[in-house]
Amino acid sequence: MLSLSDERFCQYEVYYLMNFVLIKPKSQLAHFYVKRIMPVCAESHFQAIDLDHDFNSNITNPLYQLFVSCFLNSQKIMPLLEDMFDSNDIYHEINNERENLFDDEMSNRFFENLEFNTSLDGFENGACWQELRERSRLFLTKYSLLDNFDFPNPMKFSEFLYPDDFEEYDPAPRWSWCGQFMSLEDWMYFKKTTLDAYHGIELTRSFSK
């Protein structure tokens, strides 16, 4: 099972999540950190909705987290595929396929209707998520990348922070910029903003410290 603490997680995450979205939506929901899906309102963001500050500590919606970590960042799969495929031709073919399947137009459509696409109805029945699942299936099938993972519960995404990331102080946490050291003061700041963001939300995993 892949873990955020694994140094290779960022390399594998998109590949892992493309397989994750192919299980039934209700099965996916069972893996999310929070069970209560609160749609994301674009107006609540600091600036560009996919580029919020502070490791997205104010965004607790798992559907938003999944879209950003898998589809918006789909280019992160390419270093893994470069290792897997020796031929430059097949590597460039795969990259072209990825760019075509997970293009800017798809991202724009997701964000233009953000509130619906981050709602439970949008996730289970919306055209955008159905299309993203089918595009993932096409991509993984074409290059023999379908896999049967044992997905963890709770599911966490590398771009985001969660309350239990702060169980004990780590001067070089996995989510620090470029692996630099983080002061206790900064750590406590991120801990507070994350706990505040998750306050009042039913958690699938308790946090006490």
C-alpha atoms as a PDB file:
ATOM      1  CA  MET A   1       0.000   0.000   0.000  1.00  0.00           C
ATOM      2  CA  LEU A   2       1.351   3.423  -0.928  1.00  0.00           C
ATOM      3  CA  SER A   3       1.809   5.945   1.859  1.00  0.00           C
ATOM      4  CA  LEU A   4       2.450   9.685   1.932  1.00  0.00           C
ATOM      5  CA  SER A   5       5.585   8.918   3.913  1.00  0.00           C
ATOM      6  CA  ASP A   6       6.967   6.921   0.979  1.00  0.00           C
ATOM      7  CA  GLU A   7       9.553   8.985  -0.903  1.00  0.00           C
ATOM      8  CA  ARG A   8       8.137   7.651  -4.166  1.00  0.00           C
ATOM      9  CA  PHE A   9       4.539   8.584  -3.420  1.00  0.00           C
ATOM     10  CA  CYS A  10       4.537  11.746  -5.534  1.00  0.00           C
ATOM     11  CA  GLN A  11       5.904   9.755  -8.459  1.00  0.00           C
ATOM     12  CA  TYR A  12       3.187   7.124  -8.166  1.00  0.00           C
ATOM     13  CA  GLU A  13       0.252   9.218  -6.958  1.00  0.00           C
ATOM     14  CA  VAL A  14      -1.378  10.088 -10.306  1.00  0.00           C
ATOM     15  CA  TYR A  15      -1.043   6.506 -11.570  1.00  0.00           C
ATOM     16  CA  TYR A  16      -2.479   5.293  -8.272  1.00  0.00           C
ATOM     17  CA  LEU A  17      -5.395   7.756  -8.328  1.00  0.00           C
ATOM     18  CA  MET A  18      -6.282   7.078 -11.961  1.00  0.00           C
ATOM     19  CA  ASN A  19      -6.866   3.497 -10.872  1.00  0.00           C
ATOM     20  CA  PHE A  20      -8.719   4.686  -7.770  1.00  0.00           C
ATOM     21  CA  VAL A  21     -11.341   6.619  -9.779  1.00  0.00           C
ATOM     22  CA  LEU A  22     -12.292   3.445 -11.636  1.00  0.00           C
ATOM     23  CA  ILE A  23     -13.842   1.811  -8.591  1.00  0.00           C
ATOM     24  CA  LYS A  24     -17.521   2.608  -7.994  1.00  0.00           C
ATOM     25  CA  PRO A  25     -18.198   6.141  -6.719  1.00  0.00           C
ATOM     26  CA  LYS A  26     -19.808   4.862  -3.526  1.00  0.00           C
ATOM     27  CA  SER A  27     -16.749   2.696  -2.915  1.00  0.00           C
ATOM     28  CA  GLN A  28     -14.527   5.723  -3.438  1.00  0.00           C
ATOM     29  CA  LEU A  29     -16.573   7.724  -0.937  1.00  0.00           C
ATOM     30  CA  ALA A  30     -15.910   5.089   1.713  1.00  0.00           C
ATOM     31  CA  HIS A  31     -12.168   5.857   1.486  1.00  0.00           C
ATOM     32  CA  PHE A  32     -12.334   9.631   1.899  1.00  0.00           C
ATOM     33  CA  TYR A  33     -11.041  11.357   5.015  1.00  0.00           C
ATOM     34  CA  VAL A  34     -14.364  13.126   5.563  1.00  0.00           C
ATOM     35  CA  LYS A  35     -17.814  11.676   4.953  1.00  0.00           C
ATOM     36  CA  ARG A  36     -19.667  14.980   4.834  1.00  0.00           C
ATOM     37  CA  ILE A  37     -19.241  16.404   1.327  1.00  0.00           C
ATOM     38  CA  MET A  38     -19.499  20.208   1.409  1.00  0.00           C
ATOM     39  CA  PRO A  39     -19.349  21.658  -2.145  1.00  0.00           C
ATOM     40  CA  VAL A  40     -16.527  24.133  -2.782  1.00  0.00           C
ATOM     41  CA  CYS A  41     -17.498  27.712  -3.578  1.00  0.00           C
ATOM     42  CA  ALA A  42     -14.978  29.451  -5.853  1.00  0.00           C
ATOM     43  CA  GLU A  43     -15.491  32.769  -4.061  1.00  0.00           C
ATOM     44  CA  SER A  44     -14.037  31.317  -0.852  1.00  0.00           C
ATOM     45  CA  HIS A  45     -10.571  30.928  -2.364  1.00  0.00           C
ATOM     46  CA  PHE A  46      -7.646  33.304  -2.019  1.00  0.00           C
ATOM     47  CA  GLN A  47      -6.792  33.583  -5.714  1.00  0.00           C
ATOM     48  CA  ALA A  48      -6.790  31.022  -8.540  1.00  0.00           C
ATOM     49  CA  ILE A  49      -8.940  28.251  -7.143  1.00  0.00           C
ATOM     50  CA  ASP A  50      -6.368  25.550  -7.818  1.00  0.00           C
ATOM     51  CA  LEU A  51      -3.479  27.542  -6.309  1.00  0.00           C
ATOM     52  CA  ASP A  52      -4.566  28.401  -2.778  1.00  0.00           C
ATOM     53  CA  HIS A  53      -1.853  29.291  -0.288  1.00  0.00           C
ATOM     54  CA  ASP A  54      -0.677  27.277   2.684  1.00  0.00           C
ATOM     55  CA  PHE A  55      -0.890  23.795   1.206  1.00  0.00           C
ATOM     56  CA  ASN A  56      -4.644  24.151   0.619  1.00  0.00           C
ATOM     57  CA  SER A  57      -5.216  23.952   4.360  1.00  0.00           C
ATOM     58  CA  ASN A  58      -8.683  25.519   4.006  1.00  0.00           C
ATOM     59  CA  ILE A  59      -9.972  23.001   1.463  1.00  0.00           C
ATOM     60  CA  THR A  60     -11.459  19.893   3.051  1.00  0.00           C
ATOM     61  CA  ASN A  61     -13.636  18.708   0.155  1.00  0.00           C
ATOM     62  CA  PRO A  62     -12.220  15.330  -0.981  1.00  0.00           C
ATOM     63  CA  LEU A  63     -13.665  15.651  -4.500  1.00  0.00           C
ATOM     64  CA  TYR A  64     -11.733  18.861  -5.051  1.00  0.00           C
ATOM     65  CA  GLN A  65      -8.659  17.239  -3.530  1.00  0.00           C
ATOM     66  CA  LEU A  66      -8.972  14.247  -5.847  1.00  0.00           C
ATOM     67  CA  PHE A  67      -9.427  16.355  -8.978  1.00  0.00           C
ATOM     68  CA  VAL A  68      -6.410  18.555  -8.247  1.00  0.00           C
ATOM     69  CA  SER A  69      -4.148  15.667  -7.212  1.00  0.00           C
ATOM     70  CA  CYS A  70      -5.036  13.404 -10.122  1.00  0.00           C
ATOM     71  CA  PHE A  71      -6.306  15.313 -13.140  1.00  0.00           C
ATOM     72  CA  LEU A  72      -4.997  18.852 -12.748  1.00  0.00           C
ATOM     73  CA  ASN A  73      -1.564  17.379 -11.980  1.00  0.00           C
ATOM     74  CA  SER A  74      -1.725  14.531 -14.494  1.00  0.00           C
ATOM     75  CA  GLN A  75       1.692  15.549 -15.884  1.00  0.00           C
ATOM     76  CA  LYS A  76       3.251  14.205 -12.671  1.00  0.00           C
ATOM     77  CA  ILE A  77       2.799  10.678 -14.000  1.00  0.00           C
ATOM     78  CA  MET A  78       5.398  11.219 -16.737  1.00  0.00           C
ATOM     79  CA  PRO A  79       8.622  10.601 -14.715  1.00  0.00           C
ATOM     80  CA  LEU A  80       7.189   7.239 -13.668  1.00  0.00           C
ATOM     81  CA  LEU A  81       6.342   6.347 -17.251  1.00  0.00           C
ATOM     82  CA  GLU A  82       9.762   7.478 -18.425  1.00  0.00           C
ATOM     83  CA  ASP A  83      11.223   4.854 -16.095  1.00  0.00           C
ATOM     84  CA  MET A  84       8.759   2.221 -17.276  1.00  0.00           C
ATOM     85  CA  PHE A  85       9.130   2.730 -21.036  1.00  0.00           C
ATOM     86  CA  ASP A  86      12.597   2.856 -22.567  1.00  0.00           C
ATOM     87  CA  SER A  87      11.516   3.983 -26.015  1.00  0.00           C
ATOM     88  CA  ASN A  88      11.378   7.715 -26.589  1.00  0.00           C
ATOM     89  CA  ASP A  89       8.680   7.182 -29.184  1.00  0.00           C
ATOM     90  CA  ILE A  90       6.278   5.436 -26.820  1.00  0.00           C
ATOM     91  CA  TYR A  91       7.055   7.925 -24.060  1.00  0.00           C
ATOM     92  CA  HIS A  92       6.164  10.877 -26.290  1.00  0.00           C
ATOM     93  CA  GLU A  93       3.091   9.049 -27.548  1.00  0.00           C
ATOM     94  CA  ILE A  94       1.913   8.512 -23.960  1.00  0.00           C
ATOM     95  CA  ASN A  95       2.526  12.136 -23.064  1.00  0.00           C
ATOM     96  CA  ASN A  96       0.568  13.310 -26.093  1.00  0.00           C
ATOM     97  CA  GLU A  97      -2.252  10.972 -25.146  1.00  0.00           C
ATOM     98  CA  ARG A  98      -2.252  12.279 -21.584  1.00  0.00           C
ATOM     99  CA  GLU A  99      -2.330  15.891 -22.760  1.00  0.00           C
ATOM    100  CA  ASN A 100      -5.248  15.123 -25.058  1.00  0.00           C
ATOM    101  CA  LEU A 101      -7.237  13.263 -22.434  1.00  0.00           C
ATOM    102  CA  PHE A 102      -6.605  15.602 -19.498  1.00  0.00           C
ATOM    103  CA  ASP A 103      -6.410  18.951 -21.262  1.00  0.00           C
ATOM    104  CA  ASP A 104      -7.027  22.534 -20.145  1.00  0.00           C
ATOM    105  CA  GLU A 105     -10.538  22.431 -21.556  1.00  0.00           C
ATOM    106  CA  MET A 106     -11.454  19.641 -19.147  1.00  0.00           C
ATOM    107  CA  SER A 107      -9.982  21.532 -16.192  1.00  0.00           C
ATOM    108  CA  ASN A 108     -11.796  24.704 -17.199  1.00  0.00           C
ATOM    109  CA  ARG A 109     -15.109  22.868 -17.372  1.00  0.00           C
ATOM    110  CA  PHE A 110     -14.524  21.385 -13.926  1.00  0.00           C
ATOM    111  CA  PHE A 111     -13.760  24.749 -12.361  1.00  0.00           C
ATOM    112  CA  GLU A 112     -16.496  26.635 -14.223  1.00  0.00           C
ATOM    113  CA  ASN A 113     -19.057  24.427 -12.485  1.00  0.00           C
ATOM    114  CA  LEU A 114     -17.000  23.891  -9.340  1.00  0.00           C
ATOM    115  CA  GLU A 115     -19.814  23.823  -6.815  1.00  0.00           C
ATOM    116  CA  PHE A 116     -21.718  21.070  -8.661  1.00  0.00           C
ATOM    117  CA  ASN A 117     -18.584  19.081  -9.494  1.00  0.00           C
ATOM    118  CA  THR A 118     -17.551  19.054  -5.828  1.00  0.00           C
ATOM    119  CA  SER A 119     -21.025  17.986  -4.670  1.00  0.00           C
ATOM    120  CA  LEU A 120     -22.095  14.428  -3.980  1.00  0.00           C
ATOM    121  CA  ASP A 121     -24.588  14.532  -6.863  1.00  0.00           C
ATOM    122  CA  GLY A 122     -21.958  15.889  -9.233  1.00  0.00           C
ATOM    123  CA  PHE A 123     -19.493  13.187  -8.216  1.00  0.00           C
ATOM    124  CA  GLU A 124     -21.926  10.297  -8.534  1.00  0.00           C
ATOM    125  CA  ASN A 125     -23.957  11.439 -11.547  1.00  0.00           C
ATOM    126  CA  GLY A 126     -22.322  14.470 -13.167  1.00  0.00           C
ATOM    127  CA  ALA A 127     -21.056  14.349 -16.744  1.00  0.00           C
ATOM    128  CA  CYS A 128     -17.650  15.778 -15.811  1.00  0.00           C
ATOM    129  CA  TRP A 129     -16.752  12.988 -13.381  1.00  0.00           C
ATOM    130  CA  GLN A 130     -18.171  10.328 -15.679  1.00  0.00           C
ATOM    131  CA  GLU A 131     -15.976  11.653 -18.475  1.00  0.00           C
ATOM    132  CA  LEU A 132     -12.910  11.769 -16.230  1.00  0.00           C
ATOM    133  CA  ARG A 133     -13.446   8.139 -15.231  1.00  0.00           C
ATOM    134  CA  GLU A 134     -13.795   7.073 -18.847  1.00  0.00           C
ATOM    135  CA  ARG A 135     -10.694   9.034 -19.885  1.00  0.00           C
ATOM    136  CA  SER A 136      -8.730   7.368 -17.093  1.00  0.00           C
ATOM    137  CA  ARG A 137      -9.945   3.955 -18.203  1.00  0.00           C
ATOM    138  CA  LEU A 138      -8.933   4.636 -21.812  1.00  0.00           C
ATOM    139  CA  PHE A 139      -5.478   5.851 -20.812  1.00  0.00           C
ATOM    140  CA  LEU A 140      -4.704   3.036 -18.371  1.00  0.00           C
ATOM    141  CA  THR A 141      -6.084   0.334 -20.639  1.00  0.00           C
ATOM    142  CA  LYS A 142      -4.223   1.503 -23.734  1.00  0.00           C
ATOM    143  CA  TYR A 143      -0.853   1.327 -21.958  1.00  0.00           C
ATOM    144  CA  SER A 144      -1.568  -1.740 -19.772  1.00  0.00           C
ATOM    145  CA  LEU A 145      -1.526   0.317 -16.587  1.00  0.00           C
ATOM    146  CA  LEU A 146      -4.719  -0.966 -14.969  1.00  0.00           C
ATOM    147  CA  ASP A 147      -3.925  -2.212 -11.487  1.00  0.00           C
ATOM    148  CA  ASN A 148      -5.767  -3.543  -8.470  1.00  0.00           C
ATOM    149  CA  PHE A 149      -4.560  -1.580  -5.448  1.00  0.00           C
ATOM    150  CA  ASP A 150      -5.480  -2.014  -1.834  1.00  0.00           C
ATOM    151  CA  PHE A 151      -6.575   1.583  -1.265  1.00  0.00           C
ATOM    152  CA  PRO A 152      -6.113   2.982   2.244  1.00  0.00           C
ATOM    153  CA  ASN A 153      -8.764   4.367   4.529  1.00  0.00           C
ATOM    154  CA  PRO A 154      -8.591   7.255   5.024  1.00  0.00           C
ATOM    155  CA  MET A 155      -7.412   8.332   1.583  1.00  0.00           C
ATOM    156  CA  LYS A 156      -5.116  11.360   1.753  1.00  0.00           C
ATOM    157  CA  PHE A 157      -3.639  13.432  -1.057  1.00  0.00           C
ATOM    158  CA  SER A 158      -0.114  14.848  -1.181  1.00  0.00           C
ATOM    159  CA  GLU A 159      -1.199  18.405  -2.089  1.00  0.00           C
ATOM    160  CA  PHE A 160      -3.306  18.799   1.055  1.00  0.00           C
ATOM    161  CA  LEU A 161      -3.010  18.825   4.837  1.00  0.00           C
ATOM    162  CA  TYR A 162      -5.033  16.825   7.363  1.00  0.00           C
ATOM    163  CA  PRO A 163      -5.384  17.088  11.161  1.00  0.00           C
ATOM    164  CA  ASP A 164      -3.435  13.916  11.850  1.00  0.00           C
ATOM    165  CA  ASP A 165      -0.463  15.230   9.872  1.00  0.00           C
ATOM    166  CA  PHE A 166       0.332  17.127  13.068  1.00  0.00           C
ATOM    167  CA  GLU A 167       0.436  14.356  15.641  1.00  0.00           C
ATOM    168  CA  GLU A 168       4.014  15.277  16.472  1.00  0.00           C
ATOM    169  CA  TYR A 169       6.340  18.043  15.363  1.00  0.00           C
ATOM    170  CA  ASP A 170       8.524  17.252  12.371  1.00  0.00           C
ATOM    171  CA  PRO A 171      11.113  19.908  11.410  1.00  0.00           C
ATOM    172  CA  ALA A 172      11.213  18.567   7.813  1.00  0.00           C
ATOM    173  CA  PRO A 173       7.648  17.425   7.055  1.00  0.00           C
ATOM    174  CA  ARG A 174       6.819  15.802   3.732  1.00  0.00           C
ATOM    175  CA  TRP A 175       4.723  18.842   2.765  1.00  0.00           C
ATOM    176  CA  SER A 176       7.391  21.507   3.324  1.00  0.00           C
ATOM    177  CA  TRP A 177       8.637  23.402   0.293  1.00  0.00           C
ATOM    178  CA  CYS A 178      11.501  21.549  -1.398  1.00  0.00           C
ATOM    179  CA  GLY A 179      12.195  19.610   1.804  1.00  0.00           C
ATOM    180  CA  GLN A 180      13.428  22.598   3.773  1.00  0.00           C
ATOM    181  CA  PHE A 181      13.220  22.717   7.546  1.00  0.00           C
ATOM    182  CA  MET A 182      10.136  24.162   9.189  1.00  0.00           C
ATOM    183  CA  SER A 183      10.183  26.003  12.481  1.00  0.00           C
ATOM    184  CA  LEU A 184       7.929  24.965  15.346  1.00  0.00           C
ATOM    185  CA  GLU A 185       6.159  28.312  14.972  1.00  0.00           C
ATOM    186  CA  ASP A 186       5.331  27.592  11.305  1.00  0.00           C
ATOM    187  CA  TRP A 187       4.332  24.032  12.186  1.00  0.00           C
ATOM    188  CA  MET A 188       1.901  25.289  14.822  1.00  0.00           C
ATOM    189  CA  TYR A 189       0.495  27.811  12.353  1.00  0.00           C
ATOM    190  CA  PHE A 190      -0.270  25.081   9.817  1.00  0.00           C
ATOM    191  CA  LYS A 191      -1.654  22.872  12.557  1.00  0.00           C
ATOM    192  CA  LYS A 192      -4.045  25.599  13.703  1.00  0.00           C
ATOM    193  CA  THR A 193      -5.233  26.559  10.210  1.00  0.00           C
ATOM    194  CA  THR A 194      -5.812  22.906   9.314  1.00  0.00           C
ATOM    195  CA  LEU A 195      -7.662  22.117  12.522  1.00  0.00           C
ATOM    196  CA  ASP A 196      -9.777  25.256  12.027  1.00  0.00           C
ATOM    197  CA  ALA A 197     -10.601  24.170   8.474  1.00  0.00           C
ATOM    198  CA  TYR A 198     -11.712  20.713   9.603  1.00  0.00           C
ATOM    199  CA  HIS A 199     -13.502  21.974  12.713  1.00  0.00           C
ATOM    200  CA  GLY A 200     -17.070  20.729  12.877  1.00  0.00           C
ATOM    201  CA  ILE A 201     -16.608  18.215  10.064  1.00  0.00           C
ATOM    202  CA  GLU A 202     -17.292  14.573  10.803  1.00  0.00           C
ATOM    203  CA  LEU A 203     -13.926  12.828  10.500  1.00  0.00           C
ATOM    204  CA  THR A 204     -13.382   9.224   9.552  1.00  0.00           C
ATOM    205  CA  ARG A 205     -10.378   9.211  11.834  1.00  0.00           C
ATOM    206  CA  SER A 206     -10.230  10.915  15.213  1.00  0.00           C
ATOM    207  CA  PHE A 207      -7.479  13.354  16.055  1.00  0.00           C
ATOM    208  CA  SER A 208      -6.452  14.150  19.591  1.00  0.00           C
ATOM    209  CA  LYS A 209      -3.302  15.772  20.785  1.00  0.00           C
END
